[in-house]
Amino acid sequence: MAADIRQSVSRRAAIVRIIRDSTVRNQEELVKALHRQGIEATQSSVSRDLRELGVAKAGDHYILATEEPLPSNHFAAVAGFVMGVRTAGDSLTVVKTTTGTAQSVAVAIDRSDWPEVVGTISGDDTIFIATEDARAQRKLRERLRENFRI
């Protein structure tokens, strides 16, 4: 168990170095870069590591999340990426973004700590946001409209 933890910490440190020092466009490139450094990794372990590290995708490459608190207008950096918002049922909101930017927008939403957001799942150009009920979903939609001017 301790060896697994050490291996995970070592792999994550290497991921940070790789992303900081080079342009990484996808998880496959990252797995290959880790292998070149002698670090065993799978796509699923890299995916989990990226999520835990708060790594976001900006356009066509990964960027490291800042360690500093986000400014009050942290949505300004990603507002232009949001193309639309629709609801699906009483507790699922779907946010459409420009290609390759959904993860960056989802990170901004996650870091906002809005109480109505239960969780987010992001793909390449789509974010699913779960809320507890229809009331929370309405509040979320208001916040999204305010912050993303949609």
N, C-alpha and C. Protein backbone atom coordinates (compact mmCIF):
# COMPACT_ATOMS: atom_id res chain seq x y z
N MET A 1 0.81 -1.18 0.00
CA MET A 1 0.00 0.00 0.00
C MET A 1 0.87 1.26 0.00
N ALA A 2 1.87 1.32 0.85
CA ALA A 2 2.76 2.49 0.92
C ALA A 2 3.51 2.65 -0.39
N ALA A 3 3.89 1.54 -1.02
CA ALA A 3 4.59 1.61 -2.30
C ALA A 3 3.68 2.21 -3.38
N ASP A 4 2.40 1.84 -3.35
CA ASP A 4 1.44 2.39 -4.30
C ASP A 4 1.30 3.90 -4.13
N ILE A 5 1.27 4.35 -2.89
CA ILE A 5 1.15 5.78 -2.62
C ILE A 5 2.39 6.52 -3.09
N ARG A 6 3.56 5.96 -2.80
CA ARG A 6 4.81 6.59 -3.26
C ARG A 6 4.85 6.66 -4.79
N GLN A 7 4.43 5.59 -5.44
CA GLN A 7 4.41 5.55 -6.90
C GLN A 7 3.46 6.60 -7.46
N SER A 8 2.30 6.75 -6.84
CA SER A 8 1.32 7.74 -7.28
C SER A 8 1.85 9.16 -7.11
N VAL A 9 2.46 9.44 -5.97
CA VAL A 9 3.03 10.76 -5.71
C VAL A 9 4.14 11.06 -6.71
N SER A 10 4.99 10.09 -6.97
CA SER A 10 6.09 10.25 -7.92
C SER A 10 5.55 10.50 -9.33
N ARG A 11 4.53 9.76 -9.72
CA ARG A 11 3.92 9.92 -11.04
C ARG A 11 3.30 11.30 -11.18
N ARG A 12 2.61 11.75 -10.15
CA ARG A 12 1.97 13.08 -10.20
C ARG A 12 3.01 14.19 -10.26
N ALA A 13 4.10 14.05 -9.55
CA ALA A 13 5.17 15.04 -9.61
C ALA A 13 5.75 15.09 -11.03
N ALA A 14 5.91 13.94 -11.64
CA ALA A 14 6.43 13.89 -13.01
C ALA A 14 5.43 14.53 -13.98
N ILE A 15 4.15 14.30 -13.77
CA ILE A 15 3.12 14.90 -14.63
C ILE A 15 3.20 16.43 -14.56
N VAL A 16 3.35 16.95 -13.36
CA VAL A 16 3.47 18.41 -13.19
C VAL A 16 4.68 18.93 -13.95
N ARG A 17 5.82 18.25 -13.81
CA ARG A 17 7.04 18.68 -14.51
C ARG A 17 6.84 18.64 -16.02
N ILE A 18 6.26 17.56 -16.51
CA ILE A 18 6.07 17.39 -17.95
C ILE A 18 5.15 18.48 -18.51
N ILE A 19 4.05 18.73 -17.84
CA ILE A 19 3.11 19.75 -18.32
C ILE A 19 3.72 21.14 -18.22
N ARG A 20 4.49 21.38 -17.18
CA ARG A 20 5.14 22.69 -17.00
C ARG A 20 6.21 22.91 -18.08
N ASP A 21 6.93 21.86 -18.45
CA ASP A 21 8.09 22.01 -19.34
C ASP A 21 7.80 21.76 -20.82
N SER A 22 6.63 21.23 -21.15
CA SER A 22 6.36 20.92 -22.56
C SER A 22 4.87 21.05 -22.85
N THR A 23 4.53 20.98 -24.11
CA THR A 23 3.12 21.03 -24.53
C THR A 23 2.61 19.60 -24.65
N VAL A 24 1.60 19.29 -23.86
CA VAL A 24 1.00 17.96 -23.87
C VAL A 24 -0.43 18.13 -24.33
N ARG A 25 -0.79 17.45 -25.41
CA ARG A 25 -2.10 17.64 -26.02
C ARG A 25 -3.16 16.64 -25.57
N ASN A 26 -2.73 15.46 -25.11
CA ASN A 26 -3.72 14.46 -24.69
C ASN A 26 -3.10 13.47 -23.71
N GLN A 27 -3.93 12.61 -23.17
CA GLN A 27 -3.46 11.66 -22.17
C GLN A 27 -2.49 10.64 -22.75
N GLU A 28 -2.69 10.27 -23.99
CA GLU A 28 -1.77 9.31 -24.63
C GLU A 28 -0.35 9.89 -24.69
N GLU A 29 -0.23 11.15 -25.06
CA GLU A 29 1.10 11.80 -25.09
C GLU A 29 1.71 11.81 -23.70
N LEU A 30 0.89 12.05 -22.69
CA LEU A 30 1.38 12.11 -21.32
C LEU A 30 1.85 10.73 -20.85
N VAL A 31 1.10 9.69 -21.17
CA VAL A 31 1.51 8.33 -20.81
C VAL A 31 2.86 8.01 -21.45
N LYS A 32 3.03 8.37 -22.73
CA LYS A 32 4.30 8.11 -23.43
C LYS A 32 5.45 8.89 -22.79
N ALA A 33 5.20 10.15 -22.42
CA ALA A 33 6.24 10.96 -21.78
C ALA A 33 6.64 10.36 -20.44
N LEU A 34 5.67 9.84 -19.69
CA LEU A 34 5.98 9.18 -18.42
C LEU A 34 6.80 7.93 -18.66
N HIS A 35 6.44 7.15 -19.65
CA HIS A 35 7.19 5.92 -19.97
C HIS A 35 8.63 6.25 -20.33
N ARG A 36 8.84 7.34 -21.08
CA ARG A 36 10.21 7.75 -21.43
C ARG A 36 11.04 8.08 -20.19
N GLN A 37 10.37 8.47 -19.12
CA GLN A 37 11.06 8.77 -17.86
C GLN A 37 11.13 7.55 -16.96
N GLY A 38 10.67 6.41 -17.47
CA GLY A 38 10.73 5.17 -16.69
C GLY A 38 9.61 5.03 -15.68
N ILE A 39 8.54 5.77 -15.86
CA ILE A 39 7.41 5.73 -14.93
C ILE A 39 6.26 5.01 -15.61
N GLU A 40 5.82 3.92 -15.00
CA GLU A 40 4.70 3.17 -15.54
C GLU A 40 3.40 3.91 -15.26
N ALA A 41 2.55 4.00 -16.28
CA ALA A 41 1.26 4.67 -16.14
C ALA A 41 0.32 4.15 -17.20
N THR A 42 -0.95 4.17 -16.88
CA THR A 42 -1.99 3.82 -17.83
C THR A 42 -2.84 5.06 -18.09
N GLN A 43 -3.64 5.02 -19.13
CA GLN A 43 -4.51 6.16 -19.43
C GLN A 43 -5.44 6.43 -18.26
N SER A 44 -5.95 5.37 -17.63
CA SER A 44 -6.89 5.59 -16.51
C SER A 44 -6.19 6.19 -15.29
N SER A 45 -4.94 5.78 -15.01
CA SER A 45 -4.23 6.37 -13.87
C SER A 45 -3.88 7.83 -14.17
N VAL A 46 -3.51 8.13 -15.42
CA VAL A 46 -3.20 9.51 -15.79
C VAL A 46 -4.46 10.37 -15.72
N SER A 47 -5.57 9.84 -16.17
CA SER A 47 -6.84 10.58 -16.09
C SER A 47 -7.17 10.94 -14.65
N ARG A 48 -7.02 9.97 -13.76
CA ARG A 48 -7.28 10.19 -12.33
C ARG A 48 -6.29 11.22 -11.77
N ASP A 49 -5.03 11.11 -12.14
CA ASP A 49 -4.02 12.06 -11.67
C ASP A 49 -4.32 13.48 -12.14
N LEU A 50 -4.68 13.64 -13.41
CA LEU A 50 -5.00 14.97 -13.93
C LEU A 50 -6.15 15.60 -13.16
N ARG A 51 -7.16 14.80 -12.87
CA ARG A 51 -8.31 15.29 -12.11
C ARG A 51 -7.89 15.70 -10.71
N GLU A 52 -7.10 14.87 -10.04
CA GLU A 52 -6.65 15.16 -8.68
C GLU A 52 -5.73 16.38 -8.62
N LEU A 53 -4.95 16.58 -9.67
CA LEU A 53 -4.03 17.71 -9.72
C LEU A 53 -4.73 19.01 -10.14
N GLY A 54 -5.97 18.90 -10.61
CA GLY A 54 -6.69 20.08 -11.06
C GLY A 54 -6.18 20.60 -12.39
N VAL A 55 -5.59 19.71 -13.19
CA VAL A 55 -5.08 20.11 -14.50
C VAL A 55 -6.27 20.36 -15.42
N ALA A 56 -6.18 21.42 -16.19
CA ALA A 56 -7.26 21.79 -17.12
C ALA A 56 -6.72 21.77 -18.53
N LYS A 57 -7.63 21.81 -19.47
CA LYS A 57 -7.24 21.86 -20.87
C LYS A 57 -7.60 23.25 -21.38
N ALA A 58 -6.62 23.90 -21.97
CA ALA A 58 -6.82 25.22 -22.57
C ALA A 58 -6.59 25.08 -24.06
N GLY A 59 -7.65 25.12 -24.81
CA GLY A 59 -7.52 24.91 -26.24
C GLY A 59 -7.11 23.48 -26.53
N ASP A 60 -5.89 23.30 -27.03
CA ASP A 60 -5.46 21.96 -27.43
C ASP A 60 -4.40 21.35 -26.53
N HIS A 61 -4.15 21.95 -25.35
CA HIS A 61 -3.12 21.39 -24.47
C HIS A 61 -3.48 21.57 -22.99
N TYR A 62 -2.80 20.79 -22.17
CA TYR A 62 -3.04 20.83 -20.72
C TYR A 62 -2.31 22.01 -20.08
N ILE A 63 -2.95 22.56 -19.05
CA ILE A 63 -2.32 23.60 -18.25
C ILE A 63 -2.47 23.25 -16.78
N LEU A 64 -1.53 23.71 -15.98
CA LEU A 64 -1.58 23.46 -14.55
C LEU A 64 -2.49 24.48 -13.89
N ALA A 65 -3.25 24.02 -12.92
CA ALA A 65 -4.09 24.93 -12.16
C ALA A 65 -3.20 25.77 -11.27
N THR A 66 -3.59 26.99 -11.07
CA THR A 66 -2.82 27.87 -10.21
C THR A 66 -3.03 27.47 -8.75
N GLU A 67 -2.02 27.63 -7.96
CA GLU A 67 -2.12 27.33 -6.53
C GLU A 67 -2.71 28.50 -5.77
N GLU A 68 -2.78 29.66 -6.43
CA GLU A 68 -3.32 30.84 -5.78
C GLU A 68 -4.84 30.79 -5.82
N PRO A 69 -5.50 31.45 -4.86
CA PRO A 69 -6.94 31.50 -4.93
C PRO A 69 -7.37 32.22 -6.21
N LEU A 70 -8.48 31.78 -6.75
CA LEU A 70 -8.97 32.40 -7.96
C LEU A 70 -9.50 33.79 -7.67
N PRO A 71 -9.27 34.75 -8.57
CA PRO A 71 -9.82 36.08 -8.37
C PRO A 71 -11.34 36.02 -8.45
N SER A 72 -12.00 37.05 -7.96
CA SER A 72 -13.45 37.04 -7.93
C SER A 72 -14.04 36.94 -9.33
N ASN A 73 -13.31 37.37 -10.33
CA ASN A 73 -13.80 37.29 -11.70
C ASN A 73 -13.16 36.14 -12.47
N HIS A 74 -12.92 35.02 -11.78
CA HIS A 74 -12.22 33.89 -12.43
C HIS A 74 -12.98 33.33 -13.62
N PHE A 75 -14.26 33.63 -13.74
CA PHE A 75 -15.01 33.17 -14.90
C PHE A 75 -14.66 33.96 -16.15
N ALA A 76 -14.11 35.16 -15.98
CA ALA A 76 -13.76 35.99 -17.13
C ALA A 76 -12.81 35.27 -18.08
N ALA A 77 -11.90 34.48 -17.54
CA ALA A 77 -10.92 33.78 -18.37
C ALA A 77 -11.55 32.70 -19.24
N VAL A 78 -12.70 32.16 -18.83
CA VAL A 78 -13.32 31.07 -19.59
C VAL A 78 -14.71 31.42 -20.12
N ALA A 79 -15.19 32.61 -19.83
CA ALA A 79 -16.56 32.99 -20.22
C ALA A 79 -16.79 32.87 -21.71
N GLY A 80 -15.82 33.22 -22.51
CA GLY A 80 -15.98 33.16 -23.96
C GLY A 80 -16.08 31.76 -24.52
N PHE A 81 -15.76 30.77 -23.71
CA PHE A 81 -15.81 29.38 -24.16
C PHE A 81 -17.22 28.79 -24.13
N VAL A 82 -18.12 29.37 -23.33
CA VAL A 82 -19.46 28.81 -23.14
C VAL A 82 -20.37 29.24 -24.27
N MET A 83 -20.97 28.26 -24.93
CA MET A 83 -21.83 28.52 -26.07
C MET A 83 -23.32 28.44 -25.71
N GLY A 84 -23.66 27.66 -24.71
CA GLY A 84 -25.07 27.53 -24.35
C GLY A 84 -25.28 26.63 -23.16
N VAL A 85 -26.48 26.73 -22.60
CA VAL A 85 -26.87 25.93 -21.44
C VAL A 85 -28.28 25.41 -21.66
N ARG A 86 -28.47 24.13 -21.37
CA ARG A 86 -29.81 23.52 -21.45
C ARG A 86 -29.99 22.61 -20.25
N THR A 87 -31.23 22.41 -19.86
CA THR A 87 -31.52 21.48 -18.78
C THR A 87 -31.99 20.16 -19.37
N ALA A 88 -31.78 19.11 -18.62
CA ALA A 88 -32.23 17.77 -19.00
C ALA A 88 -32.84 17.15 -17.75
N GLY A 89 -34.13 17.23 -17.62
CA GLY A 89 -34.78 16.77 -16.40
C GLY A 89 -34.67 17.80 -15.31
N ASP A 90 -34.90 17.37 -14.07
CA ASP A 90 -34.92 18.29 -12.93
C ASP A 90 -33.59 18.47 -12.22
N SER A 91 -32.58 17.70 -12.60
CA SER A 91 -31.33 17.81 -11.84
C SER A 91 -30.07 17.70 -12.69
N LEU A 92 -30.21 17.81 -14.00
CA LEU A 92 -29.05 17.76 -14.88
C LEU A 92 -29.05 18.98 -15.78
N THR A 93 -27.93 19.69 -15.78
CA THR A 93 -27.75 20.85 -16.64
C THR A 93 -26.59 20.55 -17.58
N VAL A 94 -26.78 20.86 -18.85
CA VAL A 94 -25.77 20.59 -19.87
C VAL A 94 -25.23 21.92 -20.39
N VAL A 95 -23.92 22.09 -20.28
CA VAL A 95 -23.25 23.29 -20.76
C VAL A 95 -22.45 22.91 -22.00
N LYS A 96 -22.69 23.61 -23.10
CA LYS A 96 -21.95 23.38 -24.33
C LYS A 96 -20.85 24.45 -24.43
N THR A 97 -19.65 24.02 -24.78
CA THR A 97 -18.51 24.93 -24.89
C THR A 97 -17.86 24.79 -26.26
N THR A 98 -16.92 25.66 -26.53
CA THR A 98 -16.13 25.50 -27.75
C THR A 98 -15.27 24.24 -27.59
N THR A 99 -14.87 23.68 -28.70
CA THR A 99 -14.12 22.43 -28.69
C THR A 99 -12.84 22.54 -27.87
N GLY A 100 -12.65 21.57 -26.97
CA GLY A 100 -11.43 21.48 -26.18
C GLY A 100 -11.40 22.33 -24.92
N THR A 101 -12.51 22.99 -24.58
CA THR A 101 -12.49 23.91 -23.44
C THR A 101 -13.40 23.50 -22.29
N ALA A 102 -14.14 22.42 -22.44
CA ALA A 102 -15.10 22.03 -21.39
C ALA A 102 -14.41 21.79 -20.05
N GLN A 103 -13.26 21.16 -20.04
CA GLN A 103 -12.59 20.87 -18.77
C GLN A 103 -12.19 22.16 -18.05
N SER A 104 -11.73 23.14 -18.78
CA SER A 104 -11.35 24.41 -18.16
C SER A 104 -12.55 25.10 -17.54
N VAL A 105 -13.66 25.09 -18.23
CA VAL A 105 -14.89 25.70 -17.70
C VAL A 105 -15.37 24.91 -16.49
N ALA A 106 -15.31 23.58 -16.56
CA ALA A 106 -15.75 22.76 -15.43
C ALA A 106 -14.89 23.01 -14.19
N VAL A 107 -13.60 23.20 -14.38
CA VAL A 107 -12.72 23.51 -13.24
C VAL A 107 -13.15 24.82 -12.59
N ALA A 108 -13.46 25.82 -13.40
CA ALA A 108 -13.91 27.11 -12.86
C ALA A 108 -15.22 26.93 -12.08
N ILE A 109 -16.13 26.13 -12.60
CA ILE A 109 -17.40 25.88 -11.91
C ILE A 109 -17.14 25.12 -10.61
N ASP A 110 -16.31 24.08 -10.66
CA ASP A 110 -16.00 23.30 -9.46
C ASP A 110 -15.37 24.18 -8.38
N ARG A 111 -14.48 25.06 -8.78
CA ARG A 111 -13.79 25.90 -7.80
C ARG A 111 -14.68 27.01 -7.23
N SER A 112 -15.80 27.25 -7.87
CA SER A 112 -16.71 28.29 -7.38
C SER A 112 -17.37 27.87 -6.07
N ASP A 113 -17.40 26.56 -5.81
CA ASP A 113 -18.04 26.02 -4.61
C ASP A 113 -19.50 26.44 -4.47
N TRP A 114 -20.22 26.53 -5.58
CA TRP A 114 -21.64 26.84 -5.52
C TRP A 114 -22.35 25.69 -4.82
N PRO A 115 -23.15 25.97 -3.80
CA PRO A 115 -23.77 24.89 -3.02
C PRO A 115 -24.75 24.04 -3.82
N GLU A 116 -25.31 24.57 -4.88
CA GLU A 116 -26.28 23.79 -5.66
C GLU A 116 -25.63 22.77 -6.58
N VAL A 117 -24.31 22.86 -6.80
CA VAL A 117 -23.62 21.92 -7.68
C VAL A 117 -23.20 20.69 -6.89
N VAL A 118 -23.75 19.55 -7.28
CA VAL A 118 -23.37 18.28 -6.65
C VAL A 118 -22.08 17.78 -7.27
N GLY A 119 -21.94 17.96 -8.58
CA GLY A 119 -20.73 17.53 -9.26
C GLY A 119 -20.79 17.84 -10.74
N THR A 120 -19.62 17.76 -11.39
CA THR A 120 -19.54 18.00 -12.83
C THR A 120 -18.79 16.85 -13.50
N ILE A 121 -19.13 16.65 -14.75
CA ILE A 121 -18.40 15.72 -15.61
C ILE A 121 -18.18 16.47 -16.91
N SER A 122 -16.93 16.52 -17.37
CA SER A 122 -16.67 17.25 -18.61
C SER A 122 -16.05 16.35 -19.65
N GLY A 123 -16.39 16.65 -20.88
CA GLY A 123 -15.79 15.99 -22.03
C GLY A 123 -14.98 17.01 -22.79
N ASP A 124 -15.05 16.97 -24.09
CA ASP A 124 -14.30 17.88 -24.94
C ASP A 124 -15.02 19.22 -25.11
N ASP A 125 -16.35 19.15 -25.33
CA ASP A 125 -17.11 20.38 -25.54
C ASP A 125 -18.44 20.37 -24.78
N THR A 126 -18.57 19.49 -23.81
CA THR A 126 -19.82 19.37 -23.06
C THR A 126 -19.53 19.13 -21.59
N ILE A 127 -20.32 19.77 -20.74
CA ILE A 127 -20.22 19.57 -19.29
C ILE A 127 -21.60 19.17 -18.78
N PHE A 128 -21.66 18.10 -17.99
CA PHE A 128 -22.87 17.73 -17.28
C PHE A 128 -22.71 18.20 -15.85
N ILE A 129 -23.69 18.93 -15.36
CA ILE A 129 -23.66 19.41 -13.98
C ILE A 129 -24.88 18.85 -13.26
N ALA A 130 -24.62 18.10 -12.20
CA ALA A 130 -25.69 17.51 -11.40
C ALA A 130 -26.07 18.44 -10.26
N THR A 131 -27.37 18.59 -10.06
CA THR A 131 -27.90 19.33 -8.93
C THR A 131 -28.85 18.41 -8.17
N GLU A 132 -29.16 18.80 -6.94
CA GLU A 132 -29.99 17.94 -6.11
C GLU A 132 -31.45 17.88 -6.57
N ASP A 133 -31.97 19.01 -7.04
CA ASP A 133 -33.38 19.06 -7.42
C ASP A 133 -33.61 20.23 -8.38
N ALA A 134 -34.87 20.42 -8.78
CA ALA A 134 -35.22 21.46 -9.74
C ALA A 134 -34.94 22.86 -9.20
N ARG A 135 -35.15 23.07 -7.92
CA ARG A 135 -34.88 24.39 -7.32
C ARG A 135 -33.39 24.73 -7.43
N ALA A 136 -32.53 23.78 -7.09
CA ALA A 136 -31.09 24.00 -7.20
C ALA A 136 -30.68 24.20 -8.66
N GLN A 137 -31.35 23.48 -9.55
CA GLN A 137 -31.06 23.63 -10.97
C GLN A 137 -31.39 25.04 -11.46
N ARG A 138 -32.51 25.61 -11.00
CA ARG A 138 -32.88 26.98 -11.38
C ARG A 138 -31.83 27.97 -10.89
N LYS A 139 -31.37 27.80 -9.65
CA LYS A 139 -30.34 28.68 -9.09
C LYS A 139 -29.04 28.56 -9.91
N LEU A 140 -28.67 27.34 -10.24
CA LEU A 140 -27.47 27.12 -11.05
C LEU A 140 -27.59 27.82 -12.39
N ARG A 141 -28.73 27.68 -13.02
CA ARG A 141 -28.94 28.30 -14.34
C ARG A 141 -28.80 29.83 -14.24
N GLU A 142 -29.32 30.42 -13.16
CA GLU A 142 -29.16 31.87 -12.93
C GLU A 142 -27.68 32.23 -12.83
N ARG A 143 -26.95 31.47 -12.03
CA ARG A 143 -25.52 31.75 -11.85
C ARG A 143 -24.76 31.62 -13.16
N LEU A 144 -25.07 30.58 -13.93
CA LEU A 144 -24.40 30.38 -15.20
C LEU A 144 -24.68 31.55 -16.15
N ARG A 145 -25.92 31.99 -16.19
CA ARG A 145 -26.27 33.13 -17.05
C ARG A 145 -25.55 34.40 -16.62
N GLU A 146 -25.47 34.63 -15.32
CA GLU A 146 -24.78 35.83 -14.80
C GLU A 146 -23.29 35.80 -15.13
N ASN A 147 -22.66 34.66 -14.88
CA ASN A 147 -21.20 34.58 -15.02
C ASN A 147 -20.72 34.37 -16.44
N PHE A 148 -21.55 33.75 -17.27
CA PHE A 148 -21.13 33.47 -18.64
C PHE A 148 -21.89 34.30 -19.66
N ARG A 149 -22.78 35.15 -19.20
CA ARG A 149 -23.55 36.08 -20.05
C ARG A 149 -24.19 35.34 -21.22
N ILE A 150 -24.91 34.30 -20.89
CA ILE A 150 -25.61 33.51 -21.91
C ILE A 150 -27.11 33.59 -21.70
